[in-house]
Structures are given as structure tokens and as C-alpha cells.
PDB file of N, CA and C in Angstrom:
ATOM      1  N   UNK A   1     224.807  95.756 220.213  1.00  0.00           N
ATOM      2  CA  UNK A   1     224.901  94.673 221.152  1.00  0.00           C
ATOM      3  C   UNK A   1     226.328  94.117 221.128  1.00  0.00           C
ATOM      4  N   UNK A   2     226.884  93.870 222.313  1.00  0.00           N
ATOM      5  CA  UNK A   2     228.235  93.324 222.410  1.00  0.00           C
ATOM      6  C   UNK A   2     228.213  91.808 222.261  1.00  0.00           C
ATOM      7  N   UNK A   3     229.233  91.312 221.605  1.00  0.00           N
ATOM      8  CA  UNK A   3     229.403  89.868 221.484  1.00  0.00           C
ATOM      9  C   UNK A   3     230.576  89.457 222.359  1.00  0.00           C
ATOM     10  N   UNK A   4     230.808  88.170 222.419  1.00  0.00           N
ATOM     11  CA  UNK A   4     231.919  87.649 223.226  1.00  0.00           C
ATOM     12  C   UNK A   4     233.255  88.228 222.753  1.00  0.00           C
ATOM     13  N   UNK A   5     233.390  88.460 221.447  1.00  0.00           N
ATOM     14  CA  UNK A   5     234.634  88.989 220.896  1.00  0.00           C
ATOM     15  C   UNK A   5     234.880  90.435 221.308  1.00  0.00           C
ATOM     16  N   UNK A   6     233.845  91.159 221.720  1.00  0.00           N
ATOM     17  CA  UNK A   6     233.991  92.553 222.117  1.00  0.00           C
ATOM     18  C   UNK A   6     234.481  92.715 223.553  1.00  0.00           C
ATOM     19  N   UNK A   7     234.448  91.629 224.307  1.00  0.00           N
ATOM     20  CA  UNK A   7     234.847  91.697 225.705  1.00  0.00           C
ATOM     21  C   UNK A   7     236.363  91.849 225.768  1.00  0.00           C
ATOM     22  N   UNK A   8     236.841  92.896 226.444  1.00  0.00           N
ATOM     23  CA  UNK A   8     238.294  93.071 226.525  1.00  0.00           C
ATOM     24  C   UNK A   8     238.930  91.953 227.347  1.00  0.00           C
ATOM     25  N   UNK A   9     240.074  91.498 226.892  1.00  0.00           N
ATOM     26  CA  UNK A   9     240.799  90.456 227.600  1.00  0.00           C
ATOM     27  C   UNK A   9     241.611  91.077 228.727  1.00  0.00           C
ATOM     28  N   UNK A  10     241.993  90.255 229.667  1.00  0.00           N
ATOM     29  CA  UNK A  10     242.748  90.713 230.835  1.00  0.00           C
ATOM     30  C   UNK A  10     244.237  90.701 230.556  1.00  0.00           C
ATOM     31  N   UNK A  11     244.944  91.375 231.435  1.00  0.00           N
ATOM     32  CA  UNK A  11     246.392  91.298 231.479  1.00  0.00           C
ATOM     33  C   UNK A  11     246.727  90.452 232.705  1.00  0.00           C
ATOM     34  N   UNK A  12     247.609  89.472 232.530  1.00  0.00           N
ATOM     35  CA  UNK A  12     247.903  88.518 233.588  1.00  0.00           C
ATOM     36  C   UNK A  12     249.300  88.723 234.155  1.00  0.00           C
ATOM     37  N   UNK A  13     249.420  88.600 235.464  1.00  0.00           N
ATOM     38  CA  UNK A  13     250.720  88.625 236.135  1.00  0.00           C
ATOM     39  C   UNK A  13     251.307  87.220 236.086  1.00  0.00           C
ATOM     40  N   UNK A  14     252.594  87.122 236.322  1.00  0.00           N
ATOM     41  CA  UNK A  14     253.280  85.832 236.220  1.00  0.00           C
ATOM     42  C   UNK A  14     252.688  84.790 237.178  1.00  0.00           C
ATOM     43  N   UNK A  15     252.231  85.228 238.352  1.00  0.00           N
ATOM     44  CA  UNK A  15     251.666  84.275 239.325  1.00  0.00           C
ATOM     45  C   UNK A  15     250.353  83.665 238.845  1.00  0.00           C
ATOM     46  N   UNK A  16     249.693  84.305 237.876  1.00  0.00           N
ATOM     47  CA  UNK A  16     248.456  83.758 237.312  1.00  0.00           C
ATOM     48  C   UNK A  16     248.731  82.821 236.142  1.00  0.00           C
ATOM     49  N   UNK A  17     249.988  82.758 235.715  1.00  0.00           N
ATOM     50  CA  UNK A  17     250.346  81.985 234.529  1.00  0.00           C
ATOM     51  C   UNK A  17     251.072  80.696 234.870  1.00  0.00           C
ATOM     52  N   UNK A  18     252.061  80.779 235.765  1.00  0.00           N
ATOM     53  CA  UNK A  18     252.892  79.608 236.046  1.00  0.00           C
ATOM     54  C   UNK A  18     252.472  78.910 237.341  1.00  0.00           C
ATOM     55  N   UNK A  19     253.002  77.704 237.536  1.00  0.00           N
ATOM     56  CA  UNK A  19     252.708  76.907 238.727  1.00  0.00           C
ATOM     57  C   UNK A  19     253.194  77.623 239.976  1.00  0.00           C
ATOM     58  N   UNK A  20     252.571  77.442 241.109  1.00  0.00           N
ATOM     59  CA  UNK A  20     251.464  76.532 241.399  1.00  0.00           C
ATOM     60  C   UNK A  20     250.095  77.150 241.155  1.00  0.00           C
ATOM     61  N   UNK A  21     250.011  78.469 240.949  1.00  0.00           N
ATOM     62  CA  UNK A  21     248.702  79.098 240.802  1.00  0.00           C
ATOM     63  C   UNK A  21     248.152  79.128 239.393  1.00  0.00           C
ATOM     64  N   UNK A  22     248.997  78.932 238.413  1.00  0.00           N
ATOM     65  CA  UNK A  22     248.556  79.060 237.033  1.00  0.00           C
ATOM     66  C   UNK A  22     248.550  77.747 236.273  1.00  0.00           C
ATOM     67  N   UNK A  23     248.108  77.808 235.027  1.00  0.00           N
ATOM     68  CA  UNK A  23     247.939  76.588 234.236  1.00  0.00           C
ATOM     69  C   UNK A  23     249.215  76.045 233.596  1.00  0.00           C
ATOM     70  N   UNK A  24     250.307  76.810 233.616  1.00  0.00           N
ATOM     71  CA  UNK A  24     251.530  76.352 232.969  1.00  0.00           C
ATOM     72  C   UNK A  24     252.492  75.827 234.039  1.00  0.00           C
ATOM     73  N   UNK A  25     252.822  74.532 233.970  1.00  0.00           N
ATOM     74  CA  UNK A  25     253.589  73.877 235.043  1.00  0.00           C
ATOM     75  C   UNK A  25     255.103  74.086 234.966  1.00  0.00           C
ATOM     76  N   UNK A  26     255.524  75.333 235.050  1.00  0.00           N
ATOM     77  CA  UNK A  26     256.956  75.638 235.070  1.00  0.00           C
ATOM     78  C   UNK A  26     257.238  76.638 236.185  1.00  0.00           C
ATOM     79  N   UNK A  27     258.500  76.740 236.570  1.00  0.00           N
ATOM     80  CA  UNK A  27     258.918  77.716 237.562  1.00  0.00           C
ATOM     81  C   UNK A  27     259.293  79.032 236.894  1.00  0.00           C
ATOM     82  N   UNK A  28     259.610  80.024 237.710  1.00  0.00           N
ATOM     83  CA  UNK A  28     259.953  81.353 237.191  1.00  0.00           C
ATOM     84  C   UNK A  28     261.161  81.339 236.265  1.00  0.00           C
ATOM     85  N   UNK A  29     262.210  80.650 236.667  1.00  0.00           N
ATOM     86  CA  UNK A  29     263.428  80.623 235.849  1.00  0.00           C
ATOM     87  C   UNK A  29     263.153  80.032 234.468  1.00  0.00           C
ATOM     88  N   UNK A  30     262.427  78.919 234.445  1.00  0.00           N
ATOM     89  CA  UNK A  30     262.085  78.275 233.169  1.00  0.00           C
ATOM     90  C   UNK A  30     261.202  79.182 232.330  1.00  0.00           C
ATOM     91  N   UNK A  31     260.254  79.854 232.970  1.00  0.00           N
ATOM     92  CA  UNK A  31     259.370  80.775 232.255  1.00  0.00           C
ATOM     93  C   UNK A  31     260.183  81.878 231.593  1.00  0.00           C
ATOM     94  N   UNK A  32     261.067  82.508 232.359  1.00  0.00           N
ATOM     95  CA  UNK A  32     261.859  83.623 231.808  1.00  0.00           C
ATOM     96  C   UNK A  32     262.817  83.152 230.727  1.00  0.00           C
ATOM     97  N   UNK A  33     263.371  81.937 230.836  1.00  0.00           N
ATOM     98  CA  UNK A  33     264.201  81.381 229.762  1.00  0.00           C
ATOM     99  C   UNK A  33     263.373  81.218 228.491  1.00  0.00           C
ATOM    100  N   UNK A  34     262.133  80.727 228.655  1.00  0.00           N
ATOM    101  CA  UNK A  34     261.236  80.559 227.515  1.00  0.00           C
ATOM    102  C   UNK A  34     260.838  81.876 226.874  1.00  0.00           C
ATOM    103  N   UNK A  35     260.644  82.905 227.683  1.00  0.00           N
ATOM    104  CA  UNK A  35     260.327  84.234 227.153  1.00  0.00           C
ATOM    105  C   UNK A  35     261.522  84.746 226.345  1.00  0.00           C
ATOM    106  N   UNK A  36     262.715  84.592 226.908  1.00  0.00           N
ATOM    107  CA  UNK A  36     263.930  85.069 226.244  1.00  0.00           C
ATOM    108  C   UNK A  36     264.169  84.346 224.917  1.00  0.00           C
ATOM    109  N   UNK A  37     263.892  83.051 224.888  1.00  0.00           N
ATOM    110  CA  UNK A  37     264.135  82.260 223.677  1.00  0.00           C
ATOM    111  C   UNK A  37     263.005  82.377 222.646  1.00  0.00           C
ATOM    112  N   UNK A  38     261.866  82.954 223.046  1.00  0.00           N
ATOM    113  CA  UNK A  38     260.736  83.076 222.130  1.00  0.00           C
ATOM    114  C   UNK A  38     259.756  81.925 222.232  1.00  0.00           C
ATOM    115  N   UNK A  39     260.005  80.992 223.119  1.00  0.00           N
ATOM    116  CA  UNK A  39     259.108  79.844 223.321  1.00  0.00           C
ATOM    117  C   UNK A  39     257.796  80.265 223.969  1.00  0.00           C
ATOM    118  N   UNK A  40     257.864  81.250 224.855  1.00  0.00           N
ATOM    119  CA  UNK A  40     256.694  81.788 225.541  1.00  0.00           C
ATOM    120  C   UNK A  40     256.461  83.228 225.088  1.00  0.00           C
ATOM    121  N   UNK A  41     255.247  83.737 225.239  1.00  0.00           N
ATOM    122  CA  UNK A  41     254.918  85.093 224.765  1.00  0.00           C
ATOM    123  C   UNK A  41     255.738  86.196 225.435  1.00  0.00           C
ATOM    124  N   UNK A  42     255.932  87.265 224.697  1.00  0.00           N
ATOM    125  CA  UNK A  42     256.648  88.422 225.223  1.00  0.00           C
ATOM    126  C   UNK A  42     255.747  89.200 226.182  1.00  0.00           C
ATOM    127  N   UNK A  43     256.339  89.731 227.246  1.00  0.00           N
ATOM    128  CA  UNK A  43     255.556  90.486 228.227  1.00  0.00           C
ATOM    129  C   UNK A  43     255.378  91.942 227.830  1.00  0.00           C
ATOM    130  N   UNK A  44     254.536  92.612 228.587  1.00  0.00           N
ATOM    131  CA  UNK A  44     254.331  94.057 228.473  1.00  0.00           C
ATOM    132  C   UNK A  44     254.777  94.651 229.800  1.00  0.00           C
ATOM    133  N   UNK A  45     255.674  95.623 229.753  1.00  0.00           N
ATOM    134  CA  UNK A  45     256.134  96.299 230.973  1.00  0.00           C
ATOM    135  C   UNK A  45     255.213  97.485 231.238  1.00  0.00           C
ATOM    136  N   UNK A  46     254.550  97.479 232.385  1.00  0.00           N
ATOM    137  CA  UNK A  46     253.683  98.588 232.771  1.00  0.00           C
ATOM    138  C   UNK A  46     254.404  99.567 233.688  1.00  0.00           C
ATOM    139  N   UNK A  47     255.487  99.127 234.262  1.00  0.00           N
ATOM    140  CA  UNK A  47     256.261  99.957 235.168  1.00  0.00           C
ATOM    141  C   UNK A  47     257.537  99.230 235.525  1.00  0.00           C
ATOM    142  N   UNK A  48     258.375  99.830 236.354  1.00  0.00           N
ATOM    143  CA  UNK A  48     259.655  99.202 236.676  1.00  0.00           C
ATOM    144  C   UNK A  48     259.515  97.847 237.377  1.00  0.00           C
ATOM    145  N   UNK A  49     258.422  97.623 238.079  1.00  0.00           N
ATOM    146  CA  UNK A  49     258.232  96.356 238.785  1.00  0.00           C
ATOM    147  C   UNK A  49     256.926  95.665 238.413  1.00  0.00           C
ATOM    148  N   UNK A  50     256.350  96.058 237.283  1.00  0.00           N
ATOM    149  CA  UNK A  50     255.072  95.471 236.865  1.00  0.00           C
ATOM    150  C   UNK A  50     255.202  94.946 235.439  1.00  0.00           C
ATOM    151  N   UNK A  51     255.137  93.623 235.308  1.00  0.00           N
ATOM    152  CA  UNK A  51     255.214  92.957 234.010  1.00  0.00           C
ATOM    153  C   UNK A  51     253.966  92.097 233.862  1.00  0.00           C
ATOM    154  N   UNK A  52     253.323  92.178 232.701  1.00  0.00           N
ATOM    155  CA  UNK A  52     252.100  91.429 232.452  1.00  0.00           C
ATOM    156  C   UNK A  52     252.156  90.776 231.074  1.00  0.00           C
ATOM    157  N   UNK A  53     251.248  89.833 230.865  1.00  0.00           N
ATOM    158  CA  UNK A  53     251.086  89.178 229.568  1.00  0.00           C
ATOM    159  C   UNK A  53     249.630  89.272 229.167  1.00  0.00           C
ATOM    160  N   UNK A  54     249.378  89.355 227.869  1.00  0.00           N
ATOM    161  CA  UNK A  54     247.998  89.381 227.354  1.00  0.00           C
ATOM    162  C   UNK A  54     247.372  88.001 227.549  1.00  0.00           C
ATOM    163  N   UNK A  55     246.161  88.002 228.057  1.00  0.00           N
ATOM    164  CA  UNK A  55     245.440  86.746 228.262  1.00  0.00           C
ATOM    165  C   UNK A  55     245.299  85.982 226.947  1.00  0.00           C
ATOM    166  N   UNK A  56     245.080  86.696 225.843  1.00  0.00           N
ATOM    167  CA  UNK A  56     244.973  86.056 224.522  1.00  0.00           C
ATOM    168  C   UNK A  56     246.234  85.265 224.177  1.00  0.00           C
ATOM    169  N   UNK A  57     247.399  85.843 224.486  1.00  0.00           N
ATOM    170  CA  UNK A  57     248.669  85.170 224.185  1.00  0.00           C
ATOM    171  C   UNK A  57     248.819  83.894 224.998  1.00  0.00           C
ATOM    172  N   UNK A  58     248.418  83.935 226.264  1.00  0.00           N
ATOM    173  CA  UNK A  58     248.516  82.753 227.124  1.00  0.00           C
ATOM    174  C   UNK A  58     247.513  81.697 226.672  1.00  0.00           C
ATOM    175  N   UNK A  59     246.299  82.120 226.317  1.00  0.00           N
ATOM    176  CA  UNK A  59     245.296  81.165 225.813  1.00  0.00           C
ATOM    177  C   UNK A  59     245.784  80.497 224.534  1.00  0.00           C
ATOM    178  N   UNK A  60     246.413  81.260 223.649  1.00  0.00           N
ATOM    179  CA  UNK A  60     246.951  80.697 222.403  1.00  0.00           C
ATOM    180  C   UNK A  60     248.066  79.697 222.710  1.00  0.00           C
ATOM    181  N   UNK A  61     248.921  80.021 223.673  1.00  0.00           N
ATOM    182  CA  UNK A  61     249.998  79.111 224.078  1.00  0.00           C
ATOM    183  C   UNK A  61     249.414  77.794 224.575  1.00  0.00           C
ATOM    184  N   UNK A  62     248.387  77.882 225.398  1.00  0.00           N
ATOM    185  CA  UNK A  62     247.755  76.667 225.918  1.00  0.00           C
ATOM    186  C   UNK A  62     247.035  75.884 224.831  1.00  0.00           C
ATOM    187  N   UNK A  63     246.383  76.584 223.903  1.00  0.00           N
ATOM    188  CA  UNK A  63     245.641  75.915 222.830  1.00  0.00           C
ATOM    189  C   UNK A  63     246.585  75.207 221.864  1.00  0.00           C
ATOM    190  N   UNK A  64     247.745  75.809 221.611  1.00  0.00           N
ATOM    191  CA  UNK A  64     248.703  75.231 220.662  1.00  0.00           C
ATOM    192  C   UNK A  64     249.660  74.258 221.317  1.00  0.00           C
ATOM    193  N   UNK A  65     249.625  74.183 222.625  1.00  0.00           N
ATOM    194  CA  UNK A  65     250.535  73.312 223.344  1.00  0.00           C
ATOM    195  C   UNK A  65     251.855  74.006 223.593  1.00  0.00           C
ATOM    196  N   UNK A  66     252.483  73.626 224.659  1.00  0.00           N
ATOM    197  CA  UNK A  66     253.774  74.199 225.007  1.00  0.00           C
ATOM    198  C   UNK A  66     254.832  73.336 224.353  1.00  0.00           C
ATOM    199  N   UNK A  67     255.589  73.916 223.420  1.00  0.00           N
ATOM    200  CA  UNK A  67     256.590  73.153 222.692  1.00  0.00           C
ATOM    201  C   UNK A  67     257.612  72.559 223.636  1.00  0.00           C
ATOM    202  N   UNK A  68     257.897  71.301 223.448  1.00  0.00           N
ATOM    203  CA  UNK A  68     258.897  70.638 224.261  1.00  0.00           C
ATOM    204  C   UNK A  68     258.398  70.231 225.634  1.00  0.00           C
ATOM    205  N   UNK A  69     257.138  70.506 225.932  1.00  0.00           N
ATOM    206  CA  UNK A  69     256.527  70.168 227.222  1.00  0.00           C
ATOM    207  C   UNK A  69     257.489  70.356 228.381  1.00  0.00           C
ATOM    208  N   UNK A  70     257.414  71.543 228.929  1.00  0.00           N
ATOM    209  CA  UNK A  70     258.319  71.948 230.019  1.00  0.00           C
ATOM    210  C   UNK A  70     258.273  71.049 231.202  1.00  0.00           C
TER     211      UNK A  70
END
């Protein structure tokens, strides 16, 4: 029997993470600065024009709070 922990998490595109469509109220430039500095999670490159983030990493970021409140 599968439990909640067995359910695979999604990979999220930037539009699902940042404002206005996502839960993190920052723009693209601020997001990429945070990724570069280590403030935000590192992405996974799936192709030359496809970048995603693990849903677990974004949930952890939200649970722990965004340092410095962007």
C-alpha cells in the first residue's frame, strides 16, 4: 500500500513559483539573484530552454521562510 510519502513530487517551472502565479512574491531578476547567491534552491536543467525546481525544495523554502523577506 502506498503512503503519502511514496507519492512522487512534481517539478515546477518558474511561473509556478514566483509572483504573480506562484507563492513567492518576487520577480524573475530577484529570483535568479537568489538562486545564484544560494538563497533560493538550485534548479535542474532538463534542456536548453527548460529549467525546473523540485517541489520539495520549494515547499522547504516556504516552510522555513524566505530569508530577508524579498
